[in-house]
C-alpha cells in the first residue's frame, strides 16, 4: 500500500512540475522589446509590434492591446517595478498572468467577457476542429481568413482570443474587411 501511495505521489509531483510552453518565445519577446530604445522612444514599428495582444483580468474578462500601448503603460506606470521593457513583457504576456481590472491602464483599453457559447464549443471540440470551423481559405494563395459568419461581437473576440492562446495571430485588413490568421511563429519571421 505504501508503494502505491508513493508511486501516486511521484506521478502527481511529476505532473505538477511539467513545464508549460510559453505563449511567446524569448526570441519573440526580444524582437518586440528591441523596437524601443533606452530613451523610451519607439525606434521602428514592425508588424509584430502592432499585433493584438490579449491579457486576462481578475474579473474573467480579456482586454486587447498591442506592444506600443504596453510600452506607454510601462513608461508611465511600471518602469520602476520592472528594470526593462523586455522583463515587463515577459511578465505581462505570460499565459497565467491576470491583470487587476481596478488598475488605471485597463480603462484605456477595450475589454470584454468571453462568450460561454464559444468557450463551451472550444472545450468540446479538439482545437483542430475548432480551428477548422473558424477559419477558411482566403482568395490569397496560402492564406487563411477568420470565418466570422454569424458571430456576435463578444463571440468574435472570444474566437480571436482562443486562437491567440493557441499561438495564432489574427490581423485585420481594414480596407478589405478581412481578418487573416497566421501562426505566431510566422508573424515573427
N, C-alpha and C. Protein backbone atom coordinates (compact mmCIF):
# COMPACT_ATOMS: atom_id res chain seq x y z
N UNK A 1 0.82 -1.19 0.00
CA UNK A 1 0.00 0.00 0.00
C UNK A 1 0.86 1.27 0.00
N UNK A 2 1.96 1.25 0.78
CA UNK A 2 2.86 2.39 0.84
C UNK A 2 3.49 2.65 -0.52
N UNK A 3 3.80 1.56 -1.23
CA UNK A 3 4.42 1.70 -2.56
C UNK A 3 3.45 2.37 -3.54
N UNK A 4 2.18 2.03 -3.44
CA UNK A 4 1.18 2.61 -4.35
C UNK A 4 1.02 4.10 -4.05
N UNK A 5 0.95 4.43 -2.78
CA UNK A 5 0.81 5.84 -2.39
C UNK A 5 2.03 6.63 -2.83
N UNK A 6 3.21 6.05 -2.61
CA UNK A 6 4.44 6.71 -3.02
C UNK A 6 4.48 6.91 -4.53
N UNK A 7 4.07 5.90 -5.27
CA UNK A 7 4.03 5.99 -6.73
C UNK A 7 3.05 7.06 -7.19
N UNK A 8 1.87 7.11 -6.56
CA UNK A 8 0.87 8.13 -6.91
C UNK A 8 1.39 9.53 -6.60
N UNK A 9 2.06 9.68 -5.47
CA UNK A 9 2.62 10.98 -5.11
C UNK A 9 3.71 11.39 -6.11
N UNK A 10 4.50 10.45 -6.53
CA UNK A 10 5.56 10.73 -7.51
C UNK A 10 4.96 11.17 -8.84
N UNK A 11 3.92 10.49 -9.28
CA UNK A 11 3.24 10.84 -10.53
C UNK A 11 2.64 12.24 -10.42
N UNK A 12 1.98 12.52 -9.32
CA UNK A 12 1.40 13.86 -9.11
C UNK A 12 2.48 14.93 -9.11
N UNK A 13 3.59 14.63 -8.48
CA UNK A 13 4.70 15.58 -8.44
C UNK A 13 5.23 15.84 -9.84
N UNK A 14 5.42 14.80 -10.62
CA UNK A 14 5.93 14.96 -11.98
C UNK A 14 4.96 15.74 -12.86
N UNK A 15 3.69 15.49 -12.71
CA UNK A 15 2.68 16.20 -13.50
C UNK A 15 2.67 17.68 -13.11
N UNK A 16 2.74 17.96 -11.82
CA UNK A 16 2.69 19.36 -11.37
C UNK A 16 3.95 20.11 -11.76
N UNK A 17 5.05 19.43 -11.99
CA UNK A 17 6.30 20.08 -12.38
C UNK A 17 6.46 20.17 -13.89
N UNK A 18 5.48 19.73 -14.61
CA UNK A 18 5.56 19.77 -16.06
C UNK A 18 5.73 21.22 -16.52
N UNK A 19 6.71 21.43 -17.36
CA UNK A 19 6.99 22.79 -17.84
C UNK A 19 5.97 23.19 -18.89
N UNK A 20 5.33 24.32 -18.64
CA UNK A 20 4.36 24.81 -19.61
C UNK A 20 5.10 25.56 -20.70
N UNK A 21 4.55 25.48 -21.89
CA UNK A 21 5.15 26.18 -23.02
C UNK A 21 4.62 27.61 -23.03
N UNK A 22 5.51 28.60 -23.11
CA UNK A 22 5.06 29.99 -23.08
C UNK A 22 4.32 30.37 -24.36
N UNK A 23 3.49 31.38 -24.25
CA UNK A 23 2.73 31.89 -25.39
C UNK A 23 3.65 32.60 -26.39
N UNK A 24 4.71 33.21 -25.89
CA UNK A 24 5.70 33.90 -26.71
C UNK A 24 7.08 33.38 -26.33
N UNK A 25 7.89 33.06 -27.31
CA UNK A 25 9.25 32.61 -27.03
C UNK A 25 10.10 33.81 -26.59
N UNK A 26 11.26 33.52 -26.01
CA UNK A 26 12.17 34.60 -25.61
C UNK A 26 12.57 35.43 -26.83
N UNK A 27 12.77 34.77 -27.95
CA UNK A 27 13.15 35.46 -29.18
C UNK A 27 12.05 36.43 -29.64
N UNK A 28 10.80 36.00 -29.54
CA UNK A 28 9.68 36.87 -29.93
C UNK A 28 9.60 38.09 -29.03
N UNK A 29 9.71 37.88 -27.73
CA UNK A 29 9.65 39.00 -26.78
C UNK A 29 10.83 39.93 -27.02
N UNK A 30 11.99 39.36 -27.31
CA UNK A 30 13.16 40.18 -27.60
C UNK A 30 12.93 41.05 -28.84
N UNK A 31 12.31 40.48 -29.87
CA UNK A 31 12.04 41.25 -31.10
C UNK A 31 11.08 42.40 -30.83
N UNK A 32 10.08 42.15 -30.01
CA UNK A 32 9.13 43.23 -29.67
C UNK A 32 9.85 44.31 -28.86
N UNK A 33 10.59 43.90 -27.84
CA UNK A 33 11.25 44.86 -26.94
C UNK A 33 12.34 45.65 -27.65
N UNK A 34 12.97 45.06 -28.66
CA UNK A 34 14.05 45.72 -29.38
C UNK A 34 13.57 46.95 -30.17
N UNK A 35 12.26 47.07 -30.35
CA UNK A 35 11.71 48.20 -31.10
C UNK A 35 11.80 49.51 -30.31
N UNK A 36 12.18 49.42 -29.05
CA UNK A 36 12.18 50.58 -28.17
C UNK A 36 13.58 50.78 -27.63
N UNK A 37 14.04 52.01 -27.58
CA UNK A 37 15.41 52.25 -27.11
C UNK A 37 15.42 52.67 -25.64
N UNK A 38 16.61 52.90 -25.14
CA UNK A 38 16.76 53.22 -23.72
C UNK A 38 16.23 54.62 -23.37
N UNK A 39 16.03 55.45 -24.38
CA UNK A 39 15.48 56.79 -24.14
C UNK A 39 13.96 56.77 -24.20
N UNK A 40 13.38 55.58 -24.14
CA UNK A 40 11.93 55.42 -24.14
C UNK A 40 11.27 55.93 -25.42
N UNK A 41 11.93 55.73 -26.53
CA UNK A 41 11.35 56.13 -27.80
C UNK A 41 11.14 54.90 -28.67
N UNK A 42 10.11 54.97 -29.49
CA UNK A 42 9.87 53.89 -30.44
C UNK A 42 10.86 54.09 -31.58
N UNK A 43 11.64 53.04 -31.89
CA UNK A 43 12.65 53.14 -32.95
C UNK A 43 12.01 52.86 -34.31
N UNK A 44 11.46 51.69 -34.46
CA UNK A 44 10.87 51.27 -35.73
C UNK A 44 9.62 50.46 -35.40
N UNK A 45 8.57 50.68 -36.15
CA UNK A 45 7.36 49.89 -35.93
C UNK A 45 7.35 48.76 -36.95
N UNK A 46 7.29 47.54 -36.46
CA UNK A 46 7.20 46.36 -37.34
C UNK A 46 5.87 45.69 -37.09
N UNK A 47 5.53 44.76 -37.95
CA UNK A 47 4.25 44.06 -37.87
C UNK A 47 4.00 43.50 -36.48
N UNK A 48 5.00 42.86 -35.88
CA UNK A 48 4.77 42.22 -34.59
C UNK A 48 4.61 43.22 -33.45
N UNK A 49 4.96 44.47 -33.66
CA UNK A 49 4.72 45.49 -32.64
C UNK A 49 3.25 45.90 -32.60
N UNK A 50 2.54 45.66 -33.70
CA UNK A 50 1.14 46.06 -33.79
C UNK A 50 0.17 44.90 -33.65
N UNK A 51 0.69 43.70 -33.42
CA UNK A 51 -0.19 42.54 -33.25
C UNK A 51 -1.08 42.73 -32.03
N UNK A 52 -2.29 42.21 -32.13
CA UNK A 52 -3.17 42.24 -30.97
C UNK A 52 -2.61 41.32 -29.89
N UNK A 53 -2.57 41.84 -28.67
CA UNK A 53 -2.15 41.07 -27.51
C UNK A 53 -3.33 41.04 -26.55
N UNK A 54 -3.56 39.92 -25.91
CA UNK A 54 -4.73 39.75 -25.05
C UNK A 54 -4.26 39.42 -23.64
N UNK A 55 -4.86 40.10 -22.66
CA UNK A 55 -4.50 39.88 -21.27
C UNK A 55 -5.77 39.69 -20.46
N UNK A 56 -5.79 38.62 -19.65
CA UNK A 56 -6.95 38.34 -18.81
C UNK A 56 -6.98 39.28 -17.61
N UNK A 57 -8.20 39.56 -17.15
CA UNK A 57 -8.36 40.39 -15.96
C UNK A 57 -8.85 39.53 -14.80
N UNK A 58 -8.82 40.11 -13.62
CA UNK A 58 -9.27 39.41 -12.42
C UNK A 58 -10.80 39.27 -12.38
N UNK A 59 -11.51 39.85 -13.34
CA UNK A 59 -12.96 39.71 -13.40
C UNK A 59 -13.39 38.83 -14.57
N UNK A 60 -12.52 37.91 -14.95
CA UNK A 60 -12.76 36.95 -16.02
C UNK A 60 -13.12 37.64 -17.34
N UNK A 61 -12.42 38.70 -17.62
CA UNK A 61 -12.56 39.41 -18.87
C UNK A 61 -11.20 39.41 -19.56
N UNK A 62 -11.19 39.85 -20.79
CA UNK A 62 -9.95 39.94 -21.55
C UNK A 62 -9.88 41.33 -22.14
N UNK A 63 -8.71 41.93 -22.12
CA UNK A 63 -8.59 43.20 -22.84
C UNK A 63 -7.56 43.07 -23.94
N UNK A 64 -7.81 43.82 -25.00
CA UNK A 64 -6.98 43.78 -26.20
C UNK A 64 -6.04 44.97 -26.18
N UNK A 65 -4.79 44.73 -26.52
CA UNK A 65 -3.80 45.79 -26.54
C UNK A 65 -2.77 45.47 -27.62
N UNK A 66 -1.68 46.23 -27.65
CA UNK A 66 -0.55 45.92 -28.53
C UNK A 66 0.72 46.39 -27.84
N UNK A 67 1.86 46.09 -28.43
CA UNK A 67 3.15 46.41 -27.80
C UNK A 67 3.34 47.91 -27.62
N UNK A 68 2.88 48.71 -28.56
CA UNK A 68 3.04 50.16 -28.44
C UNK A 68 2.30 50.68 -27.21
N UNK A 69 1.09 50.21 -27.02
CA UNK A 69 0.30 50.63 -25.86
C UNK A 69 0.96 50.13 -24.56
N UNK A 70 1.43 48.88 -24.58
CA UNK A 70 2.09 48.33 -23.39
C UNK A 70 3.36 49.11 -23.06
N UNK A 71 4.06 49.56 -24.10
CA UNK A 71 5.27 50.35 -23.87
C UNK A 71 4.93 51.66 -23.16
N UNK A 72 3.87 52.32 -23.60
CA UNK A 72 3.44 53.56 -22.94
C UNK A 72 3.06 53.29 -21.48
N UNK A 73 2.36 52.18 -21.24
CA UNK A 73 2.00 51.81 -19.86
C UNK A 73 3.24 51.52 -19.03
N UNK A 74 4.20 50.84 -19.64
CA UNK A 74 5.45 50.53 -18.95
C UNK A 74 6.15 51.83 -18.53
N UNK A 75 6.28 52.76 -19.47
CA UNK A 75 6.96 54.03 -19.17
C UNK A 75 6.27 54.79 -18.05
N UNK A 76 4.94 54.84 -18.08
CA UNK A 76 4.20 55.66 -17.12
C UNK A 76 4.00 55.00 -15.77
N UNK A 77 3.84 53.67 -15.75
CA UNK A 77 3.42 53.03 -14.50
C UNK A 77 4.34 51.91 -13.99
N UNK A 78 5.17 51.33 -14.84
CA UNK A 78 5.88 50.12 -14.43
C UNK A 78 7.40 50.18 -14.56
N UNK A 79 7.96 51.26 -15.02
CA UNK A 79 9.41 51.32 -15.24
C UNK A 79 10.20 51.21 -13.95
N UNK A 80 9.60 51.55 -12.83
CA UNK A 80 10.30 51.40 -11.54
C UNK A 80 10.20 49.97 -11.03
N UNK A 81 9.12 49.30 -11.36
CA UNK A 81 8.92 47.94 -10.88
C UNK A 81 9.70 46.92 -11.73
N UNK A 82 9.78 47.16 -13.04
CA UNK A 82 10.48 46.25 -13.96
C UNK A 82 11.65 47.00 -14.58
N UNK A 83 12.82 46.43 -14.49
CA UNK A 83 14.05 47.10 -14.94
C UNK A 83 14.01 47.43 -16.43
N UNK A 84 13.47 46.54 -17.25
CA UNK A 84 13.43 46.77 -18.70
C UNK A 84 12.04 46.47 -19.24
N UNK A 85 11.77 47.00 -20.42
CA UNK A 85 10.51 46.72 -21.10
C UNK A 85 10.40 45.23 -21.43
N UNK A 86 11.52 44.61 -21.75
CA UNK A 86 11.53 43.18 -22.06
C UNK A 86 11.05 42.36 -20.85
N UNK A 87 11.54 42.67 -19.68
CA UNK A 87 11.13 41.95 -18.47
C UNK A 87 9.63 42.18 -18.23
N UNK A 88 9.18 43.39 -18.42
CA UNK A 88 7.76 43.71 -18.29
C UNK A 88 6.93 42.85 -19.25
N UNK A 89 7.35 42.75 -20.51
CA UNK A 89 6.64 41.93 -21.49
C UNK A 89 6.62 40.46 -21.09
N UNK A 90 7.73 39.96 -20.59
CA UNK A 90 7.79 38.56 -20.17
C UNK A 90 6.73 38.26 -19.11
N UNK A 91 6.53 39.18 -18.21
CA UNK A 91 5.53 39.01 -17.14
C UNK A 91 4.12 39.15 -17.71
N UNK A 92 3.86 40.23 -18.42
CA UNK A 92 2.52 40.55 -18.92
C UNK A 92 2.02 39.52 -19.93
N UNK A 93 2.90 39.01 -20.78
CA UNK A 93 2.48 38.10 -21.84
C UNK A 93 2.46 36.63 -21.42
N UNK A 94 2.73 36.37 -20.16
CA UNK A 94 2.64 35.01 -19.65
C UNK A 94 1.17 34.57 -19.66
N UNK A 95 0.93 33.34 -20.07
CA UNK A 95 -0.45 32.83 -20.17
C UNK A 95 -1.21 32.94 -18.86
N UNK A 96 -0.52 32.79 -17.74
CA UNK A 96 -1.18 32.77 -16.44
C UNK A 96 -1.30 34.15 -15.79
N UNK A 97 -0.79 35.16 -16.44
CA UNK A 97 -0.85 36.50 -15.86
C UNK A 97 -2.29 36.99 -15.86
N UNK A 98 -2.70 37.55 -14.74
CA UNK A 98 -4.05 38.11 -14.60
C UNK A 98 -3.90 39.55 -14.14
N UNK A 99 -4.46 40.46 -14.92
CA UNK A 99 -4.36 41.88 -14.65
C UNK A 99 -5.46 42.30 -13.69
N UNK A 100 -5.13 43.17 -12.75
CA UNK A 100 -6.12 43.70 -11.82
C UNK A 100 -6.91 44.78 -12.55
N UNK A 101 -8.20 44.54 -12.72
CA UNK A 101 -9.05 45.44 -13.50
C UNK A 101 -9.15 46.83 -12.89
N UNK A 102 -8.93 46.94 -11.62
CA UNK A 102 -9.01 48.26 -10.99
C UNK A 102 -7.82 49.13 -11.39
N UNK A 103 -6.81 48.54 -12.01
CA UNK A 103 -5.65 49.28 -12.46
C UNK A 103 -6.06 50.31 -13.50
N UNK A 104 -5.51 51.47 -13.44
CA UNK A 104 -5.93 52.57 -14.30
C UNK A 104 -5.68 52.35 -15.78
N UNK A 105 -4.74 51.52 -16.18
CA UNK A 105 -4.48 51.40 -17.61
C UNK A 105 -5.54 50.59 -18.34
N UNK A 106 -6.26 49.76 -17.61
CA UNK A 106 -7.30 48.97 -18.27
C UNK A 106 -8.43 49.85 -18.78
N UNK A 107 -8.68 50.93 -18.13
CA UNK A 107 -9.77 51.79 -18.57
C UNK A 107 -9.50 52.38 -19.95
N UNK A 108 -8.26 52.36 -20.38
CA UNK A 108 -7.90 52.90 -21.69
C UNK A 108 -7.95 51.85 -22.79
N UNK A 109 -8.16 50.60 -22.45
CA UNK A 109 -8.19 49.52 -23.44
C UNK A 109 -9.57 48.89 -23.48
N UNK A 110 -9.96 48.42 -24.67
CA UNK A 110 -11.25 47.72 -24.74
C UNK A 110 -11.15 46.35 -24.05
N UNK A 111 -12.16 46.00 -23.31
CA UNK A 111 -12.18 44.68 -22.69
C UNK A 111 -13.58 44.09 -22.84
N UNK A 112 -13.66 42.77 -22.72
CA UNK A 112 -14.93 42.08 -22.95
C UNK A 112 -14.94 40.77 -22.20
N UNK A 113 -16.14 40.29 -21.97
CA UNK A 113 -16.33 38.97 -21.35
C UNK A 113 -16.25 37.93 -22.45
N UNK A 114 -15.67 36.79 -22.12
CA UNK A 114 -15.60 35.69 -23.08
C UNK A 114 -16.99 35.08 -23.25
N UNK A 115 -17.29 34.68 -24.45
CA UNK A 115 -18.59 34.08 -24.75
C UNK A 115 -18.65 32.66 -24.21
N UNK A 116 -19.59 32.36 -23.30
CA UNK A 116 -19.71 30.99 -22.78
C UNK A 116 -20.00 29.98 -23.89
N UNK A 117 -20.77 30.40 -24.88
CA UNK A 117 -21.11 29.52 -26.00
C UNK A 117 -19.83 29.09 -26.75
N UNK A 118 -18.97 30.05 -27.07
CA UNK A 118 -17.73 29.76 -27.81
C UNK A 118 -16.76 28.98 -26.92
N UNK A 119 -16.69 29.34 -25.64
CA UNK A 119 -15.80 28.61 -24.72
C UNK A 119 -16.23 27.15 -24.61
N UNK A 120 -17.53 26.91 -24.55
CA UNK A 120 -18.03 25.53 -24.46
C UNK A 120 -17.68 24.77 -25.74
N UNK A 121 -17.88 25.41 -26.86
CA UNK A 121 -17.54 24.81 -28.14
C UNK A 121 -16.05 24.47 -28.20
N UNK A 122 -15.24 25.39 -27.73
CA UNK A 122 -13.79 25.20 -27.71
C UNK A 122 -13.39 24.01 -26.84
N UNK A 123 -14.02 23.89 -25.68
CA UNK A 123 -13.68 22.79 -24.79
C UNK A 123 -14.23 21.45 -25.28
N UNK A 124 -15.33 21.49 -26.02
CA UNK A 124 -15.93 20.26 -26.55
C UNK A 124 -15.17 19.74 -27.77
N UNK A 125 -14.88 20.64 -28.67
CA UNK A 125 -14.14 20.26 -29.88
C UNK A 125 -12.65 20.20 -29.56
N UNK A 126 -11.93 19.40 -30.27
CA UNK A 126 -10.48 19.49 -30.18
C UNK A 126 -10.08 20.78 -30.89
N UNK A 127 -8.91 21.31 -30.57
CA UNK A 127 -8.52 22.59 -31.15
C UNK A 127 -8.52 22.53 -32.68
N UNK A 128 -8.05 21.45 -33.26
CA UNK A 128 -8.02 21.34 -34.73
C UNK A 128 -9.40 21.51 -35.34
N UNK A 129 -10.42 20.91 -34.72
CA UNK A 129 -11.79 21.05 -35.22
C UNK A 129 -12.31 22.47 -35.01
N UNK A 130 -11.99 23.05 -33.87
CA UNK A 130 -12.36 24.43 -33.59
C UNK A 130 -11.72 25.35 -34.63
N UNK A 131 -10.46 25.12 -34.90
CA UNK A 131 -9.72 25.93 -35.87
C UNK A 131 -10.34 25.82 -37.26
N UNK A 132 -10.66 24.60 -37.66
CA UNK A 132 -11.28 24.40 -38.98
C UNK A 132 -12.63 25.11 -39.08
N UNK A 133 -13.37 25.10 -37.99
CA UNK A 133 -14.69 25.73 -38.00
C UNK A 133 -14.59 27.24 -38.18
N UNK A 134 -13.59 27.85 -37.56
CA UNK A 134 -13.50 29.30 -37.57
C UNK A 134 -12.41 29.85 -38.51
N UNK A 135 -11.97 29.04 -39.43
CA UNK A 135 -11.05 29.54 -40.46
C UNK A 135 -11.53 29.07 -41.81
N UNK A 136 -11.12 29.79 -42.83
CA UNK A 136 -11.47 29.41 -44.20
C UNK A 136 -10.34 29.84 -45.12
N UNK A 137 -10.26 29.19 -46.25
CA UNK A 137 -9.22 29.52 -47.22
C UNK A 137 -9.48 30.90 -47.80
N UNK A 138 -8.44 31.67 -47.91
CA UNK A 138 -8.54 33.02 -48.45
C UNK A 138 -8.41 32.99 -49.97
N UNK A 139 -8.83 34.08 -50.60
CA UNK A 139 -8.60 34.22 -52.03
C UNK A 139 -7.11 34.39 -52.32
N UNK A 140 -6.38 34.89 -51.34
CA UNK A 140 -4.92 34.98 -51.45
C UNK A 140 -4.32 33.59 -51.27
N UNK A 141 -3.35 33.29 -52.08
CA UNK A 141 -2.71 31.98 -52.02
C UNK A 141 -2.03 31.77 -50.66
N UNK A 142 -2.21 30.61 -50.11
CA UNK A 142 -1.57 30.19 -48.85
C UNK A 142 -1.94 31.07 -47.65
N UNK A 143 -3.10 31.67 -47.66
CA UNK A 143 -3.56 32.49 -46.54
C UNK A 143 -4.86 31.92 -46.01
N UNK A 144 -5.06 32.07 -44.70
CA UNK A 144 -6.32 31.69 -44.08
C UNK A 144 -7.01 32.93 -43.54
N UNK A 145 -8.33 32.91 -43.61
CA UNK A 145 -9.13 34.01 -43.07
C UNK A 145 -9.94 33.50 -41.89
N UNK A 146 -10.26 34.42 -41.01
CA UNK A 146 -11.16 34.11 -39.90
C UNK A 146 -12.58 34.05 -40.45
N UNK A 147 -13.27 32.96 -40.17
CA UNK A 147 -14.65 32.80 -40.61
C UNK A 147 -15.55 33.48 -39.58
N UNK A 148 -16.01 34.66 -39.91
CA UNK A 148 -16.78 35.47 -38.96
C UNK A 148 -18.28 35.38 -39.19
N UNK A 149 -18.69 34.53 -40.10
CA UNK A 149 -20.13 34.44 -40.40
C UNK A 149 -20.90 34.05 -39.14
N UNK A 150 -21.93 34.81 -38.87
CA UNK A 150 -22.84 34.58 -37.74
C UNK A 150 -22.20 34.71 -36.37
N UNK A 151 -21.13 35.47 -36.24
CA UNK A 151 -20.51 35.69 -34.92
C UNK A 151 -20.94 37.05 -34.39
N UNK A 152 -21.42 37.05 -33.15
CA UNK A 152 -21.71 38.32 -32.48
C UNK A 152 -20.39 38.89 -31.98
N UNK A 153 -20.42 40.13 -31.53
CA UNK A 153 -19.19 40.83 -31.16
C UNK A 153 -18.37 40.07 -30.12
N UNK A 154 -18.96 39.69 -28.99
CA UNK A 154 -18.16 39.01 -27.96
C UNK A 154 -17.74 37.61 -28.41
N UNK A 155 -18.50 36.98 -29.30
CA UNK A 155 -18.11 35.68 -29.86
C UNK A 155 -16.90 35.86 -30.77
N UNK A 156 -16.91 36.91 -31.56
CA UNK A 156 -15.79 37.22 -32.46
C UNK A 156 -14.50 37.40 -31.65
N UNK A 157 -14.56 38.22 -30.60
CA UNK A 157 -13.38 38.45 -29.77
C UNK A 157 -12.96 37.19 -29.02
N UNK A 158 -13.91 36.37 -28.63
CA UNK A 158 -13.59 35.12 -27.94
C UNK A 158 -12.85 34.17 -28.88
N UNK A 159 -13.30 34.05 -30.12
CA UNK A 159 -12.61 33.20 -31.10
C UNK A 159 -11.19 33.72 -31.32
N UNK A 160 -11.04 35.04 -31.47
CA UNK A 160 -9.71 35.61 -31.64
C UNK A 160 -8.82 35.33 -30.44
N UNK A 161 -9.38 35.44 -29.24
CA UNK A 161 -8.60 35.16 -28.02
C UNK A 161 -8.19 33.69 -27.95
N UNK A 162 -9.10 32.78 -28.27
CA UNK A 162 -8.78 31.36 -28.21
C UNK A 162 -7.75 30.97 -29.26
N UNK A 163 -7.78 31.61 -30.41
CA UNK A 163 -6.72 31.40 -31.39
C UNK A 163 -5.39 31.93 -30.84
N UNK A 164 -5.45 33.09 -30.21
CA UNK A 164 -4.27 33.73 -29.64
C UNK A 164 -3.58 32.83 -28.61
N UNK A 165 -4.35 32.25 -27.69
CA UNK A 165 -3.73 31.41 -26.67
C UNK A 165 -3.21 30.09 -27.25
N UNK A 166 -3.59 29.79 -28.48
CA UNK A 166 -3.07 28.62 -29.17
C UNK A 166 -2.03 29.01 -30.22
N UNK A 167 -1.44 30.17 -30.03
CA UNK A 167 -0.32 30.67 -30.83
C UNK A 167 -0.66 30.98 -32.28
N UNK A 168 -1.83 31.55 -32.48
CA UNK A 168 -2.23 32.07 -33.78
C UNK A 168 -2.57 33.54 -33.60
N UNK A 169 -2.15 34.35 -34.56
CA UNK A 169 -2.46 35.77 -34.52
C UNK A 169 -3.46 36.10 -35.62
N UNK A 170 -4.33 37.04 -35.34
CA UNK A 170 -5.32 37.49 -36.30
C UNK A 170 -5.03 38.95 -36.59
N UNK A 171 -4.80 39.25 -37.86
CA UNK A 171 -4.57 40.64 -38.26
C UNK A 171 -5.69 41.07 -39.20
N UNK A 172 -6.10 42.31 -39.05
CA UNK A 172 -7.23 42.82 -39.83
C UNK A 172 -6.75 43.66 -41.00
N UNK A 173 -7.36 43.41 -42.13
CA UNK A 173 -7.17 44.27 -43.30
C UNK A 173 -8.41 45.14 -43.36
N UNK A 174 -8.30 46.33 -42.80
CA UNK A 174 -9.46 47.22 -42.69
C UNK A 174 -10.00 47.61 -44.06
N UNK A 175 -9.14 47.70 -45.04
CA UNK A 175 -9.56 48.09 -46.37
C UNK A 175 -10.46 47.03 -47.00
N UNK A 176 -10.06 45.75 -46.87
CA UNK A 176 -10.85 44.66 -47.44
C UNK A 176 -11.90 44.12 -46.47
N UNK A 177 -11.78 44.44 -45.20
CA UNK A 177 -12.71 43.92 -44.20
C UNK A 177 -12.51 42.44 -43.94
N UNK A 178 -11.24 42.00 -43.97
CA UNK A 178 -10.90 40.60 -43.80
C UNK A 178 -9.92 40.46 -42.64
N UNK A 179 -10.11 39.41 -41.86
CA UNK A 179 -9.17 39.08 -40.78
C UNK A 179 -8.36 37.87 -41.22
N UNK A 180 -7.03 38.02 -41.25
CA UNK A 180 -6.16 36.92 -41.65
C UNK A 180 -5.60 36.22 -40.42
N UNK A 181 -5.50 34.89 -40.50
CA UNK A 181 -4.96 34.08 -39.40
C UNK A 181 -3.59 33.58 -39.81
N UNK A 182 -2.65 33.71 -38.90
CA UNK A 182 -1.32 33.14 -39.17
C UNK A 182 -0.72 32.63 -37.88
N UNK A 183 0.12 31.61 -38.02
CA UNK A 183 0.82 31.08 -36.85
C UNK A 183 1.71 32.18 -36.29
N UNK A 184 1.78 32.24 -34.97
CA UNK A 184 2.57 33.28 -34.33
C UNK A 184 4.02 33.24 -34.79
N UNK A 185 4.58 32.06 -34.92
CA UNK A 185 5.97 31.98 -35.35
C UNK A 185 6.17 32.60 -36.73
N UNK A 186 5.16 32.55 -37.60
CA UNK A 186 5.25 33.17 -38.92
C UNK A 186 5.17 34.69 -38.83
N UNK A 187 4.52 35.19 -37.80
CA UNK A 187 4.41 36.64 -37.60
C UNK A 187 5.77 37.24 -37.25
N UNK A 188 6.67 36.44 -36.71
CA UNK A 188 7.96 36.93 -36.24
C UNK A 188 9.12 36.59 -37.15
N UNK A 189 8.83 36.19 -38.37
CA UNK A 189 9.90 35.87 -39.32
C UNK A 189 10.37 37.11 -40.01
